[in-house]
Structure formats: C-alpha cells, structure tokens
C-alpha cells in the first residue's frame, strides 16, 4: 500500500493526492516591503493565474498575492475534469437573460477548455491531459434531458457530442448503474494542481512575480490602488480580485453574493492496470446526471479518483470516505478490497444564480467569483477576460458584468438551511426519476 510518507512533503496544501504528486513543491517567498506593478492579482488559483498569464503575455508587469499556496483552494483540489459550459444550461441562460446575451455566452462556452489545451501545448505543461468526457444517465428522463442539451449545444457550434445507448455504456465505464449517457469528445481530464503550477511558472518566465503566504488585509480602490498584507504593500494601476471561496471577509460586497460549498474526493491505491482499464476502458472522465452528482476518472498512476457529496456552508464532514466510498462500491463492486490512500475536501464558491459573479469594485478594481462547480474551464475563460479588461477590451467583460447577481435568501443565517432544503428536493426528484 502506498502511504503519505512515501511522498515528499508539500507544506501548506491539503493532504491530497494532487499535493503529494505535484511537479513543483518549493514554497515561494511572502511579500515584504513594497512592490510596484501594472496589475496586482489577489489569489493564485485558476482565475488569478489565468489572468496573470494572459497579462504577462501582453507585456504587463504582474504581481500575484496568494494567502496560502498556488492552487491551495478548489483549483488544486477538484476532480480534474474539463467540463464544457456553465453550471446552468444554455436554454436557462436564454430564458433568463435573453437571446442576445445567451448567444454571446454560448459563443464563449467552449473557450475555457480550448485555453487549457493551448497553454498545455504552448508551455509544455506536464499535467496528465486526457481527452474525452462521459455524462452518465440513471433514467430515461435523464437521457431525454441529455438529448435536449445536445441539440441546444449544436446550435452554438458544439458538434462533438454523442448520445450513448445502454449497450454502448461499457465502452466508457463498466457498471450496471447507467441506462445510457452522452460523450463529449471536447471534454477531458487533467492533474489540476500541476496545471495551475505550470501556468504559474509560464507567467513567471515572462516576469510575473508570485508571493505565497501573503494574505491581503486591505484593498485600495483609487486611481493607483494599494493592496496591503501584514508585511508589505503592492501598488498597481489595476487590481484583480480572484479569491473565490477562500476570499474570507476581505470584500463583503462579493462574499455576501456567494456561499462556500465543500465537495469530497478520494483516491484508491494503485490498481492493477488490467483492472482499472477494464473499469474505464476509454480513459474518459465520468460524471453522472444527478443534481448532487458523483464524478470519477483514472489517474496517470492507475488509481481511481472518485468524488461526490456536498457540504453547504463549506463544512467538512468528519469521515470523508464514509460519504464517497459507498457510492464508489455501488458503481464498481470490484473495488471492495481496494485501499483508499487519500481523501480530502475543498470548497468552491456557489452563487444563487449558479452563474459566475463578475464586476467592478471601482474603475481600477475588478473581480470574478462563483463558478459554481464548473470552475476548471470557466476560470480559465474569465481569467483571460479579466486580462482583456485591463488591456482596454471591455466588451466580453461587460457581458458578464451585466448579468444580475442576487443575494441568497435568508442572509448568512438561513442561506445554508434553505439551500440544503432545495438540494434535498432536487435530490429526491433524482431518486424518484422525475
């Protein structure tokens, strides 16, 4: 059995398989004294690092302030799945925001995955990229829903989807749980911590400076805002706030519009290559079509990474494997004897609309948060769009900033129980096949 002690330490990160297998583990220094830059970015997750790389490529002098470590939050703990689109389907966006905005959002909806692949190729980032995703359906209603999603996507130019019959499920996943599904050839999966570390190194190669263990305590909003930590300051022409679920109490205007939500992930011991290949023969990542869904995939070292569960308010359960392992064994009873080497939790930021919250604090301070469970791709898109905004191209930023952001009903006191009640209702509909 593989143990944590067999891996080099990676201080400051969650005790995850990602942190244990990171390509780069050295700690960058904390900010001390004053630095001056064109742009100061708060948060070294996917959004912040995507923006840092975009701006560095454009020739801007960039400084990034990270409270913990690069990829400390959801960016370095997630399921590692490249899932196209947003947390709400394109039909919902059209109903809410009108045809014109839905068309604009649809035109951007595949870009996040494209950015990831382009950067992996351009900067030779070693992050175990694999192509292809499978959405698994438990019921015929879910099959019909996937067929409707496919038809809507095709109107926006996404022609790499294919509905899969019950007979063909075994080509993607060996289990008796599903009646069919849909494959997305433009989906895929990666080692997310190694991806964000590779992107960070690419930005640094062009002059960006990243400080870790540098929690921001105050943000100025004037013409040349000053960002302060306990030991230093960064003076810049623009500030991008990209802290997401780990932003804390820094900017209540933002944090009051999002709620931290935890998801749990575990990883088995290395499995016999023949076994893991038989369970996931196409090496696609999988997520099911339930409201509270499970997601899983093979790793490069022949483990099964399996995630699921949800904790509104960001609370960590006392026993992570007790939540996930029963579902894993229902999916793959062949793994009854498989040891679990790693189990961890991490928070993502949920908005009431389930659509990212993007906007301005002032003429010099911008933000993007609340990717609501679809962060791997949308963070890359929105990080790039933040960079465009700084460079004077506000068209796409303004589309996102125009989308209404709503407070959670019940405020901080009742938002968690009310959201849990809604999740219970949708979960019951899944169980009843409605």
Protein backbone atom coordinates (compact mmCIF):
# COMPACT_ATOMS: atom_id res chain seq x y z
CA UNK A 1 0.00 0.00 0.00
CA UNK A 2 1.20 3.49 -0.81
CA UNK A 3 1.36 5.80 2.21
CA UNK A 4 1.63 9.56 2.58
CA UNK A 5 5.13 9.15 3.98
CA UNK A 6 6.32 7.77 0.65
CA UNK A 7 5.68 11.16 -0.96
CA UNK A 8 7.76 14.31 -0.45
CA UNK A 9 6.04 16.84 1.79
CA UNK A 10 4.23 19.79 0.27
CA UNK A 11 3.60 22.19 3.18
CA UNK A 12 0.53 24.39 3.23
CA UNK A 13 -1.60 22.23 0.94
CA UNK A 14 -4.43 19.87 1.75
CA UNK A 15 -3.24 16.29 2.28
CA UNK A 16 -4.32 15.28 -1.22
CA UNK A 17 -3.00 13.02 -3.94
CA UNK A 18 -2.53 16.15 -6.04
CA UNK A 19 -0.27 17.81 -3.47
CA UNK A 20 1.65 14.56 -2.99
CA UNK A 21 2.30 14.20 -6.73
CA UNK A 22 2.86 17.87 -7.59
CA UNK A 23 5.68 18.55 -10.04
CA UNK A 24 6.88 21.54 -8.04
CA UNK A 25 6.74 21.75 -4.23
CA UNK A 26 9.04 24.57 -3.20
CA UNK A 27 7.44 27.48 -1.34
CA UNK A 28 7.67 30.94 -2.86
CA UNK A 29 8.53 33.83 -0.52
CA UNK A 30 5.95 36.06 1.16
CA UNK A 31 5.62 39.71 0.22
CA UNK A 32 7.81 42.01 2.31
CA UNK A 33 8.16 45.73 1.74
CA UNK A 34 6.69 47.49 -1.28
CA UNK A 35 6.38 46.29 -4.85
CA UNK A 36 5.07 48.27 -7.80
CA UNK A 37 3.34 46.66 -10.78
CA UNK A 38 0.90 47.37 -13.55
CA UNK A 39 -1.53 44.81 -12.14
CA UNK A 40 -1.89 43.22 -8.70
CA UNK A 41 -3.85 39.97 -8.64
CA UNK A 42 -5.29 38.59 -5.41
CA UNK A 43 -5.48 34.79 -5.46
CA UNK A 44 -3.26 32.23 -7.19
CA UNK A 45 -5.92 29.76 -8.27
CA UNK A 46 -7.08 29.17 -11.83
CA UNK A 47 -8.76 32.58 -12.25
CA UNK A 48 -5.86 34.61 -10.88
CA UNK A 49 -3.14 32.62 -12.61
CA UNK A 50 -5.08 32.57 -15.89
CA UNK A 51 -5.30 36.36 -15.72
CA UNK A 52 -1.62 36.63 -14.74
CA UNK A 53 -0.56 34.57 -17.73
CA UNK A 54 -2.81 36.49 -20.12
CA UNK A 55 -1.42 39.81 -18.90
CA UNK A 56 2.19 38.63 -18.85
CA UNK A 57 1.83 37.53 -22.45
CA UNK A 58 0.62 41.05 -23.22
CA UNK A 59 3.71 42.57 -21.61
CA UNK A 60 2.22 43.81 -18.34
CA UNK A 61 4.17 43.76 -15.10
CA UNK A 62 2.15 41.49 -12.82
CA UNK A 63 2.34 40.66 -9.12
CA UNK A 64 0.18 37.92 -7.57
CA UNK A 65 -0.60 37.74 -3.84
CA UNK A 66 -1.69 34.34 -2.53
CA UNK A 67 -2.79 33.84 1.08
CA UNK A 68 -1.63 30.22 1.16
CA UNK A 69 -0.02 28.33 -1.76
CA UNK A 70 -0.58 28.34 -5.52
CA UNK A 71 -3.63 26.16 -6.15
CA UNK A 72 -4.42 25.90 -2.43
CA UNK A 73 -8.20 26.08 -2.91
CA UNK A 74 -10.56 24.42 -5.36
CA UNK A 75 -8.11 24.87 -8.24
CA UNK A 76 -5.73 22.35 -6.67
CA UNK A 77 -8.31 20.01 -5.11
CA UNK A 78 -11.07 19.47 -7.69
CA UNK A 79 -11.95 16.39 -9.71
CA UNK A 80 -9.69 17.43 -12.56
CA UNK A 81 -12.43 17.27 -15.19
CA UNK A 82 -12.57 19.52 -18.25
CA UNK A 83 -16.34 20.04 -18.48
CA UNK A 84 -17.51 22.50 -21.11
CA UNK A 85 -20.17 25.09 -20.47
CA UNK A 86 -21.53 26.55 -17.29
CA UNK A 87 -23.38 25.33 -14.24
CA UNK A 88 -26.65 26.26 -15.93
CA UNK A 89 -27.53 25.13 -19.45
CA UNK A 90 -27.76 27.45 -22.44
CA UNK A 91 -31.56 27.21 -22.55
CA UNK A 92 -31.77 28.52 -18.99
CA UNK A 93 -29.40 31.37 -19.87
CA UNK A 94 -31.59 32.35 -22.81
CA UNK A 95 -34.73 32.27 -20.68
CA UNK A 96 -33.09 34.43 -18.01
CA UNK A 97 -31.01 36.89 -19.98
CA UNK A 98 -32.47 36.94 -23.48
CA UNK A 99 -31.33 35.56 -26.82
CA UNK A 100 -28.56 38.11 -27.45
CA UNK A 101 -26.70 37.53 -24.19
CA UNK A 102 -27.28 33.78 -24.34
CA UNK A 103 -25.75 33.74 -27.83
CA UNK A 104 -22.71 35.67 -26.58
CA UNK A 105 -22.27 33.35 -23.59
CA UNK A 106 -22.74 30.33 -25.84
CA UNK A 107 -20.01 31.60 -28.16
CA UNK A 108 -17.60 31.64 -25.19
CA UNK A 109 -18.73 28.37 -23.63
CA UNK A 110 -16.09 26.13 -25.24
CA UNK A 111 -13.25 28.59 -24.87
CA UNK A 112 -12.12 27.58 -21.38
CA UNK A 113 -11.21 24.06 -22.47
CA UNK A 114 -9.51 25.45 -25.56
CA UNK A 115 -7.39 27.81 -23.43
CA UNK A 116 -6.31 24.93 -21.21
CA UNK A 117 -5.21 22.77 -24.14
CA UNK A 118 -3.43 25.64 -25.87
CA UNK A 119 -1.45 26.51 -22.75
CA UNK A 120 -0.54 22.89 -22.05
CA UNK A 121 0.81 22.65 -25.59
CA UNK A 122 2.47 26.09 -25.72
CA UNK A 123 4.25 25.80 -22.38
CA UNK A 124 4.77 22.01 -22.33
CA UNK A 125 2.87 21.65 -19.04
CA UNK A 126 3.04 18.11 -17.66
CA UNK A 127 -0.42 17.61 -16.12
CA UNK A 128 -1.62 14.22 -17.47
CA UNK A 129 -4.04 15.61 -20.06
CA UNK A 130 -6.51 13.02 -21.37
CA UNK A 131 -9.32 13.68 -23.86
CA UNK A 132 -13.00 12.81 -23.57
CA UNK A 133 -15.81 13.00 -21.03
CA UNK A 134 -18.89 10.86 -20.36
CA UNK A 135 -22.15 12.06 -18.79
CA UNK A 136 -23.86 9.03 -17.28
CA UNK A 137 -27.66 8.73 -17.07
CA UNK A 138 -29.57 6.69 -14.49
CA UNK A 139 -33.02 7.13 -16.09
CA UNK A 140 -34.68 7.58 -19.45
CA UNK A 141 -35.69 11.09 -18.36
CA UNK A 142 -32.02 11.95 -17.94
CA UNK A 143 -31.35 10.54 -21.43
CA UNK A 144 -34.03 12.83 -22.84
CA UNK A 145 -32.53 15.76 -20.95
CA UNK A 146 -29.08 14.98 -22.41
CA UNK A 147 -30.57 14.78 -25.91
CA UNK A 148 -32.07 18.25 -25.40
CA UNK A 149 -28.72 19.56 -24.14
CA UNK A 150 -27.01 18.11 -27.21
CA UNK A 151 -29.48 19.82 -29.56
CA UNK A 152 -29.00 23.16 -27.82
CA UNK A 153 -25.21 22.87 -27.80
CA UNK A 154 -25.16 22.10 -31.53
CA UNK A 155 -26.87 25.42 -32.18
CA UNK A 156 -23.82 27.05 -30.59
CA UNK A 157 -21.32 25.12 -32.68
CA UNK A 158 -20.52 22.24 -30.32
CA UNK A 159 -20.63 19.23 -32.65
CA UNK A 160 -18.54 16.80 -30.58
CA UNK A 161 -21.38 15.31 -28.56
CA UNK A 162 -22.87 11.85 -28.99
CA UNK A 163 -25.71 10.21 -27.09
CA UNK A 164 -24.76 6.69 -25.97
CA UNK A 165 -27.16 3.76 -25.72
CA UNK A 166 -27.28 1.29 -22.85
CA UNK A 167 -25.42 -1.27 -24.96
CA UNK A 168 -22.52 1.13 -25.54
CA UNK A 169 -22.05 2.31 -21.93
CA UNK A 170 -19.47 -0.42 -21.36
CA UNK A 171 -17.19 1.23 -23.90
CA UNK A 172 -16.72 4.04 -21.39
CA UNK A 173 -17.49 2.63 -17.95
CA UNK A 174 -18.04 -0.93 -16.74
CA UNK A 175 -21.01 -0.73 -14.38
CA UNK A 176 -24.65 -1.76 -14.27
CA UNK A 177 -25.86 1.57 -12.88
CA UNK A 178 -26.47 3.53 -16.08
CA UNK A 179 -29.06 3.27 -18.84
CA UNK A 180 -27.02 5.36 -21.28
CA UNK A 181 -25.39 8.75 -21.46
CA UNK A 182 -23.60 11.25 -23.64
CA UNK A 183 -19.95 11.61 -24.56
CA UNK A 184 -18.18 14.92 -25.10
CA UNK A 185 -15.07 14.49 -27.21
CA UNK A 186 -14.02 18.02 -26.25
CA UNK A 187 -14.12 17.13 -22.57
CA UNK A 188 -11.20 15.60 -20.75
CA UNK A 189 -9.26 15.47 -17.52
CA UNK A 190 -6.02 16.75 -16.02
CA UNK A 191 -3.98 16.91 -12.81
CA UNK A 192 -5.33 20.35 -11.82
CA UNK A 193 -2.61 21.32 -9.34
CA UNK A 194 0.11 20.56 -11.88
CA UNK A 195 -1.83 22.57 -14.47
CA UNK A 196 -2.02 25.71 -12.33
CA UNK A 197 1.60 25.28 -11.23
CA UNK A 198 2.66 25.01 -14.88
CA UNK A 199 0.68 28.11 -15.81
CA UNK A 200 2.19 29.98 -12.87
CA UNK A 201 5.71 29.02 -13.99
CA UNK A 202 4.86 30.20 -17.51
CA UNK A 203 3.74 33.59 -16.16
CA UNK A 204 6.89 33.85 -14.04
CA UNK A 205 9.04 33.12 -17.09
CA UNK A 206 7.68 36.35 -18.57
CA UNK A 207 8.32 38.43 -15.48
CA UNK A 208 5.30 37.88 -13.22
CA UNK A 209 6.10 37.71 -9.50
CA UNK A 210 4.05 35.41 -7.24
CA UNK A 211 4.12 35.74 -3.47
CA UNK A 212 2.73 32.92 -1.32
CA UNK A 213 1.67 33.11 2.34
CA UNK A 214 0.70 36.73 1.67
CA UNK A 215 -2.88 37.21 2.84
CA UNK A 216 -4.36 40.53 1.75
CA UNK A 217 -5.76 42.66 4.57
CA UNK A 218 -6.85 45.78 2.70
CA UNK A 219 -7.51 46.89 -0.88
CA UNK A 220 -7.45 50.49 -2.02
CA UNK A 221 -9.83 51.49 -4.80
CA UNK A 222 -8.39 54.80 -6.06
CA UNK A 223 -6.50 55.67 -9.23
CA UNK A 224 -3.42 53.74 -8.11
CA UNK A 225 -4.79 51.30 -5.55
CA UNK A 226 -2.54 49.93 -2.82
CA UNK A 227 -3.01 46.34 -1.69
CA UNK A 228 -1.72 45.63 1.81
CA UNK A 229 -0.64 42.45 3.57
CA UNK A 230 0.69 42.19 7.13
CA UNK A 231 4.28 42.65 5.93
CA UNK A 232 4.11 44.59 2.69
CA UNK A 233 2.21 46.52 0.05
CA UNK A 234 1.68 46.26 -3.69
CA UNK A 235 0.95 49.43 -5.63
CA UNK A 236 -0.64 48.95 -9.06
CA UNK A 237 -2.73 50.60 -11.73
CA UNK A 238 -5.30 47.80 -11.58
CA UNK A 239 -6.30 45.15 -9.04
CA UNK A 240 -7.99 41.85 -9.90
CA UNK A 241 -9.72 40.08 -7.01
CA UNK A 242 -9.78 36.32 -7.63
CA UNK A 243 -10.03 34.74 -4.17
CA UNK A 244 -13.28 32.84 -4.79
CA UNK A 245 -14.46 30.60 -1.91
CA UNK A 246 -11.32 31.44 0.09
CA UNK A 247 -11.70 35.22 -0.09
CA UNK A 248 -12.82 35.36 3.56
CA UNK A 249 -14.13 38.67 4.90
CA UNK A 250 -12.00 40.87 2.67
CA UNK A 251 -14.81 42.22 0.47
CA UNK A 252 -18.31 41.63 1.91
CA UNK A 253 -19.88 43.07 -1.27
CA UNK A 254 -18.60 39.98 -3.05
CA UNK A 255 -18.73 37.33 -0.34
CA UNK A 256 -22.35 38.12 0.53
CA UNK A 257 -23.26 37.02 -3.00
CA UNK A 258 -21.62 33.61 -2.80
CA UNK A 259 -21.55 30.66 -0.44
CA UNK A 260 -18.66 28.24 0.13
CA UNK A 261 -19.64 24.67 -0.68
CA UNK A 262 -17.45 21.67 0.02
CA UNK A 263 -17.04 18.62 -2.16
CA UNK A 264 -15.21 15.46 -1.18
CA UNK A 265 -12.66 13.46 -3.18
CA UNK A 266 -10.82 10.24 -2.51
CA UNK A 267 -8.21 8.23 -4.39
CA UNK A 268 -7.60 4.50 -4.23
CA UNK A 269 -4.27 2.76 -4.03
CA UNK A 270 -2.71 2.00 -7.44
CA UNK A 271 -4.81 -0.71 -9.09
CA UNK A 272 -3.71 -3.46 -11.41
CA UNK A 273 -3.53 -1.89 -14.89
CA UNK A 274 -5.83 -4.53 -16.31
CA UNK A 275 -8.48 -3.80 -13.65
CA UNK A 276 -8.58 -0.02 -13.98
CA UNK A 277 -8.51 -0.29 -17.78
CA UNK A 278 -11.47 -2.68 -17.69
CA UNK A 279 -13.47 -0.30 -15.47
CA UNK A 280 -12.77 2.81 -17.58
CA UNK A 281 -11.66 1.46 -20.97
CA UNK A 282 -11.76 4.76 -22.88
CA UNK A 283 -9.94 6.68 -20.11
CA UNK A 284 -12.71 9.30 -20.21
CA UNK A 285 -13.69 11.19 -17.08
CA UNK A 286 -17.23 10.45 -15.90
CA UNK A 287 -19.88 12.44 -14.10
CA UNK A 288 -23.46 11.36 -13.58
CA UNK A 289 -26.55 13.39 -14.43
CA UNK A 290 -27.96 13.72 -10.91
CA UNK A 291 -28.41 17.09 -9.21
CA UNK A 292 -25.94 16.09 -6.48
CA UNK A 293 -23.60 14.15 -8.70
CA UNK A 294 -20.68 11.73 -8.47
CA UNK A 295 -17.60 12.17 -10.67
CA UNK A 296 -14.60 9.95 -11.23
CA UNK A 297 -11.70 9.12 -13.51
CA UNK A 298 -8.46 7.18 -13.88
CA UNK A 299 -5.20 8.77 -12.77
CA UNK A 300 -1.90 8.51 -14.60
CA UNK A 301 -0.63 6.03 -11.98
CA UNK A 302 -3.66 3.70 -12.31
CA UNK A 303 -5.68 4.84 -9.33
CA UNK A 304 -9.40 5.60 -9.31
CA UNK A 305 -10.17 9.17 -8.25
CA UNK A 306 -13.79 9.35 -7.07
CA UNK A 307 -15.63 12.45 -5.86
CA UNK A 308 -19.06 13.44 -4.66
CA UNK A 309 -21.01 14.69 -1.71
CA UNK A 310 -21.69 18.30 -0.92
CA UNK A 311 -21.47 20.45 2.18
CA UNK A 312 -23.28 23.78 2.01
CA UNK A 313 -21.50 26.44 4.02
CA UNK A 314 -18.16 24.74 3.42
CA UNK A 315 -18.23 22.40 6.41
CA UNK A 316 -16.01 19.33 6.18
CA UNK A 317 -17.61 16.02 7.18
CA UNK A 318 -15.91 14.09 9.96
CA UNK A 319 -15.49 10.99 7.79
CA UNK A 320 -14.86 11.75 4.12
CA UNK A 321 -14.69 8.18 2.87
CA UNK A 322 -17.98 7.28 4.58
CA UNK A 323 -19.72 9.68 2.18
CA UNK A 324 -17.98 8.71 -1.06
CA UNK A 325 -16.91 5.08 -0.73
CA UNK A 326 -20.43 3.55 -0.66
CA UNK A 327 -21.25 5.20 -4.00
CA UNK A 328 -17.92 4.09 -5.45
CA UNK A 329 -18.66 0.49 -4.46
CA UNK A 330 -22.18 0.68 -5.91
CA UNK A 331 -20.56 1.80 -9.17
CA UNK A 332 -17.62 -0.60 -9.00
CA UNK A 333 -18.21 -3.55 -6.64
CA UNK A 334 -14.92 -4.96 -7.97
CA UNK A 335 -13.12 -2.46 -5.71
CA UNK A 336 -14.40 -3.80 -2.38
CA UNK A 337 -10.87 -4.68 -1.28
CA UNK A 338 -9.19 -1.58 -2.71
CA UNK A 339 -7.48 0.61 -0.11
CA UNK A 340 -8.13 4.35 -0.02
CA UNK A 341 -4.80 6.19 0.04
CA UNK A 342 -6.06 9.79 0.08
CA UNK A 343 -9.29 11.58 0.97
CA UNK A 344 -9.75 15.34 1.13
CA UNK A 345 -12.29 18.11 0.88
CA UNK A 346 -12.25 21.53 -0.73
CA UNK A 347 -14.59 24.49 -1.13
CA UNK A 348 -15.91 26.06 -4.30
CA UNK A 349 -17.95 29.27 -4.47
CA UNK A 350 -21.65 28.92 -5.26
CA UNK A 351 -23.84 31.83 -6.42
CA UNK A 352 -27.60 31.86 -6.15
CA UNK A 353 -27.89 32.02 -9.96
CA UNK A 354 -25.19 29.33 -10.39
CA UNK A 355 -23.54 31.74 -12.85
CA UNK A 356 -20.20 33.46 -12.10
CA UNK A 357 -20.34 36.86 -10.42
CA UNK A 358 -18.17 39.27 -12.40
CA UNK A 359 -17.89 43.03 -11.97
CA UNK A 360 -16.18 46.19 -10.75
CA UNK A 361 -15.45 47.43 -7.26
CA UNK A 362 -14.18 50.69 -8.77
CA UNK A 363 -12.69 51.92 -12.05
CA UNK A 364 -9.44 50.19 -11.12
CA UNK A 365 -10.56 47.08 -9.18
CA UNK A 366 -12.31 44.16 -10.89
CA UNK A 367 -13.34 40.68 -9.74
CA UNK A 368 -14.60 37.28 -10.85
CA UNK A 369 -16.00 34.64 -8.49
CA UNK A 370 -18.64 31.96 -8.08
CA UNK A 371 -18.08 29.45 -10.89
CA UNK A 372 -20.49 27.18 -9.02
CA UNK A 373 -18.92 23.80 -9.67
CA UNK A 374 -17.80 24.36 -13.29
CA UNK A 375 -14.62 26.15 -12.37
CA UNK A 376 -11.90 24.32 -14.30
CA UNK A 377 -12.99 25.77 -17.64
CA UNK A 378 -14.86 28.95 -16.66
CA UNK A 379 -11.98 30.21 -14.51
CA UNK A 380 -9.65 29.98 -17.48
CA UNK A 381 -12.11 31.86 -19.66
CA UNK A 382 -12.83 34.56 -17.09
CA UNK A 383 -9.17 34.97 -16.14
CA UNK A 384 -8.45 35.70 -19.79
CA UNK A 385 -11.40 38.11 -19.93
CA UNK A 386 -10.13 39.96 -16.84
CA UNK A 387 -6.83 40.35 -18.66
CA UNK A 388 -8.65 41.71 -21.71
CA UNK A 389 -10.45 44.21 -19.48
CA UNK A 390 -7.18 45.56 -18.08
CA UNK A 391 -5.83 45.83 -21.65
CA UNK A 392 -8.76 48.06 -22.60
CA UNK A 393 -11.01 45.49 -24.27
CA UNK A 394 -14.11 45.50 -22.08
CA UNK A 395 -16.68 44.00 -24.45
CA UNK A 396 -16.73 40.45 -23.10
CA UNK A 397 -16.19 41.57 -19.50
CA UNK A 398 -19.21 43.86 -19.76
CA UNK A 399 -21.43 41.00 -20.91
CA UNK A 400 -20.58 39.02 -17.77
CA UNK A 401 -20.77 42.07 -15.51
CA UNK A 402 -24.27 42.85 -16.81
CA UNK A 403 -25.69 39.55 -15.53
CA UNK A 404 -27.66 40.12 -12.32
CA UNK A 405 -26.16 38.81 -9.10
CA UNK A 406 -28.63 38.04 -6.34
CA UNK A 407 -28.19 37.60 -2.58
CA UNK A 408 -29.06 34.25 -1.05
CA UNK A 409 -32.48 34.27 0.63
CA UNK A 410 -32.24 34.20 4.41
CA UNK A 411 -28.93 36.04 4.57
CA UNK A 412 -25.94 34.42 6.24
CA UNK A 413 -28.11 32.94 8.99
CA UNK A 414 -30.56 30.97 6.85
CA UNK A 415 -28.88 30.63 3.45
CA UNK A 416 -27.37 27.23 4.28
CA UNK A 417 -30.57 25.51 5.56
CA UNK A 418 -32.65 26.98 2.73
CA UNK A 419 -30.13 25.84 0.12
CA UNK A 420 -29.97 22.40 1.74
CA UNK A 421 -33.77 22.20 1.53
CA UNK A 422 -33.63 22.97 -2.18
CA UNK A 423 -30.89 20.39 -2.74
CA UNK A 424 -32.94 17.80 -0.82
CA UNK A 425 -35.89 18.47 -3.13
CA UNK A 426 -33.86 18.03 -6.31
CA UNK A 427 -32.09 15.00 -4.86
CA UNK A 428 -35.48 13.44 -4.14
CA UNK A 429 -36.53 14.09 -7.73
CA UNK A 430 -33.38 12.26 -8.89
CA UNK A 431 -34.18 9.28 -6.66
CA UNK A 432 -37.77 9.19 -7.93
CA UNK A 433 -36.70 9.58 -11.56
CA UNK A 434 -38.72 12.79 -12.00
